[in-house]
């Protein structure tokens, strides 16, 4: 396949043994909200939205660290 660094494709008989997998982007706001509610925060929905916004902005604006 394309982008696999020169590796050969799987034979059809071997490929038949694997199932297709679908991936979805995690809902970071919902994850943060649930975590905060479970820790006892009363305004978790509003805080989760702000927290996710801070992390998204920092990801866009800050340089990657090594």
C-alpha atoms as a PDB file:
ATOM      1  CA  UNK A   1       0.000   0.000   0.000  1.00  0.00           C
ATOM      2  CA  UNK A   2       0.899   3.646  -0.371  1.00  0.00           C
ATOM      3  CA  UNK A   3       2.892   5.190   2.451  1.00  0.00           C
ATOM      4  CA  UNK A   4       4.145   2.001   4.093  1.00  0.00           C
ATOM      5  CA  UNK A   5       7.845   2.403   3.358  1.00  0.00           C
ATOM      6  CA  UNK A   6       8.362  -0.315   0.733  1.00  0.00           C
ATOM      7  CA  UNK A   7       6.453  -3.041   2.554  1.00  0.00           C
ATOM      8  CA  UNK A   8       4.555  -5.512   0.396  1.00  0.00           C
ATOM      9  CA  UNK A   9       0.772  -5.902   0.558  1.00  0.00           C
ATOM     10  CA  UNK A  10      -0.782  -8.780   2.494  1.00  0.00           C
ATOM     11  CA  UNK A  11      -1.852 -11.789   0.429  1.00  0.00           C
ATOM     12  CA  UNK A  12      -5.644 -12.129   0.003  1.00  0.00           C
ATOM     13  CA  UNK A  13      -5.845 -15.371   2.003  1.00  0.00           C
ATOM     14  CA  UNK A  14      -4.135 -13.671   4.970  1.00  0.00           C
ATOM     15  CA  UNK A  15      -6.076 -10.426   4.529  1.00  0.00           C
ATOM     16  CA  UNK A  16      -9.337 -12.397   4.858  1.00  0.00           C
ATOM     17  CA  UNK A  17      -8.445 -13.209   8.486  1.00  0.00           C
ATOM     18  CA  UNK A  18      -8.533  -9.527   9.544  1.00  0.00           C
ATOM     19  CA  UNK A  19     -11.547  -7.305  10.138  1.00  0.00           C
ATOM     20  CA  UNK A  20     -11.829  -3.704   8.992  1.00  0.00           C
ATOM     21  CA  UNK A  21     -11.572  -1.150  11.799  1.00  0.00           C
ATOM     22  CA  UNK A  22     -13.111   2.314  11.856  1.00  0.00           C
ATOM     23  CA  UNK A  23     -11.502   5.088  13.872  1.00  0.00           C
ATOM     24  CA  UNK A  24     -13.240   8.178  15.212  1.00  0.00           C
ATOM     25  CA  UNK A  25     -11.862  11.391  16.677  1.00  0.00           C
ATOM     26  CA  UNK A  26     -12.435  11.462  20.464  1.00  0.00           C
ATOM     27  CA  UNK A  27     -14.759  14.142  21.857  1.00  0.00           C
ATOM     28  CA  UNK A  28     -12.271  15.891  24.143  1.00  0.00           C
ATOM     29  CA  UNK A  29     -14.896  18.230  25.562  1.00  0.00           C
ATOM     30  CA  UNK A  30     -17.134  15.353  26.656  1.00  0.00           C
ATOM     31  CA  UNK A  31     -14.174  13.463  28.128  1.00  0.00           C
ATOM     32  CA  UNK A  32     -13.079  16.534  30.135  1.00  0.00           C
ATOM     33  CA  UNK A  33     -16.654  17.184  31.252  1.00  0.00           C
ATOM     34  CA  UNK A  34     -17.174  13.639  32.531  1.00  0.00           C
ATOM     35  CA  UNK A  35     -13.807  13.646  34.312  1.00  0.00           C
ATOM     36  CA  UNK A  36     -14.599  16.929  36.042  1.00  0.00           C
ATOM     37  CA  UNK A  37     -18.123  15.864  37.062  1.00  0.00           C
ATOM     38  CA  UNK A  38     -16.669  12.653  38.497  1.00  0.00           C
ATOM     39  CA  UNK A  39     -14.252  14.724  40.601  1.00  0.00           C
ATOM     40  CA  UNK A  40     -17.088  16.885  41.954  1.00  0.00           C
ATOM     41  CA  UNK A  41     -16.964  20.015  39.787  1.00  0.00           C
ATOM     42  CA  UNK A  42     -20.355  21.759  39.658  1.00  0.00           C
ATOM     43  CA  UNK A  43     -19.760  23.775  36.444  1.00  0.00           C
ATOM     44  CA  UNK A  44     -18.003  21.008  34.532  1.00  0.00           C
ATOM     45  CA  UNK A  45     -19.711  21.674  31.185  1.00  0.00           C
ATOM     46  CA  UNK A  46     -18.564  25.296  30.992  1.00  0.00           C
ATOM     47  CA  UNK A  47     -15.103  24.489  32.363  1.00  0.00           C
ATOM     48  CA  UNK A  48     -14.619  21.602  29.927  1.00  0.00           C
ATOM     49  CA  UNK A  49     -15.310  23.865  26.946  1.00  0.00           C
ATOM     50  CA  UNK A  50     -12.782  26.413  28.229  1.00  0.00           C
ATOM     51  CA  UNK A  51     -10.184  23.761  29.038  1.00  0.00           C
ATOM     52  CA  UNK A  52     -10.420  22.194  25.582  1.00  0.00           C
ATOM     53  CA  UNK A  53     -10.143  25.643  23.994  1.00  0.00           C
ATOM     54  CA  UNK A  54      -6.965  26.353  25.994  1.00  0.00           C
ATOM     55  CA  UNK A  55      -5.367  23.074  24.915  1.00  0.00           C
ATOM     56  CA  UNK A  56      -6.362  23.576  21.261  1.00  0.00           C
ATOM     57  CA  UNK A  57      -4.912  27.093  21.242  1.00  0.00           C
ATOM     58  CA  UNK A  58      -1.714  25.950  22.932  1.00  0.00           C
ATOM     59  CA  UNK A  59      -1.354  23.138  20.394  1.00  0.00           C
ATOM     60  CA  UNK A  60      -1.715  25.620  17.527  1.00  0.00           C
ATOM     61  CA  UNK A  61       0.423  28.441  18.941  1.00  0.00           C
ATOM     62  CA  UNK A  62       3.244  26.727  20.837  1.00  0.00           C
ATOM     63  CA  UNK A  63       6.167  24.999  19.200  1.00  0.00           C
ATOM     64  CA  UNK A  64       6.574  21.248  19.734  1.00  0.00           C
ATOM     65  CA  UNK A  65       8.963  20.306  22.537  1.00  0.00           C
ATOM     66  CA  UNK A  66      11.663  17.700  22.141  1.00  0.00           C
END
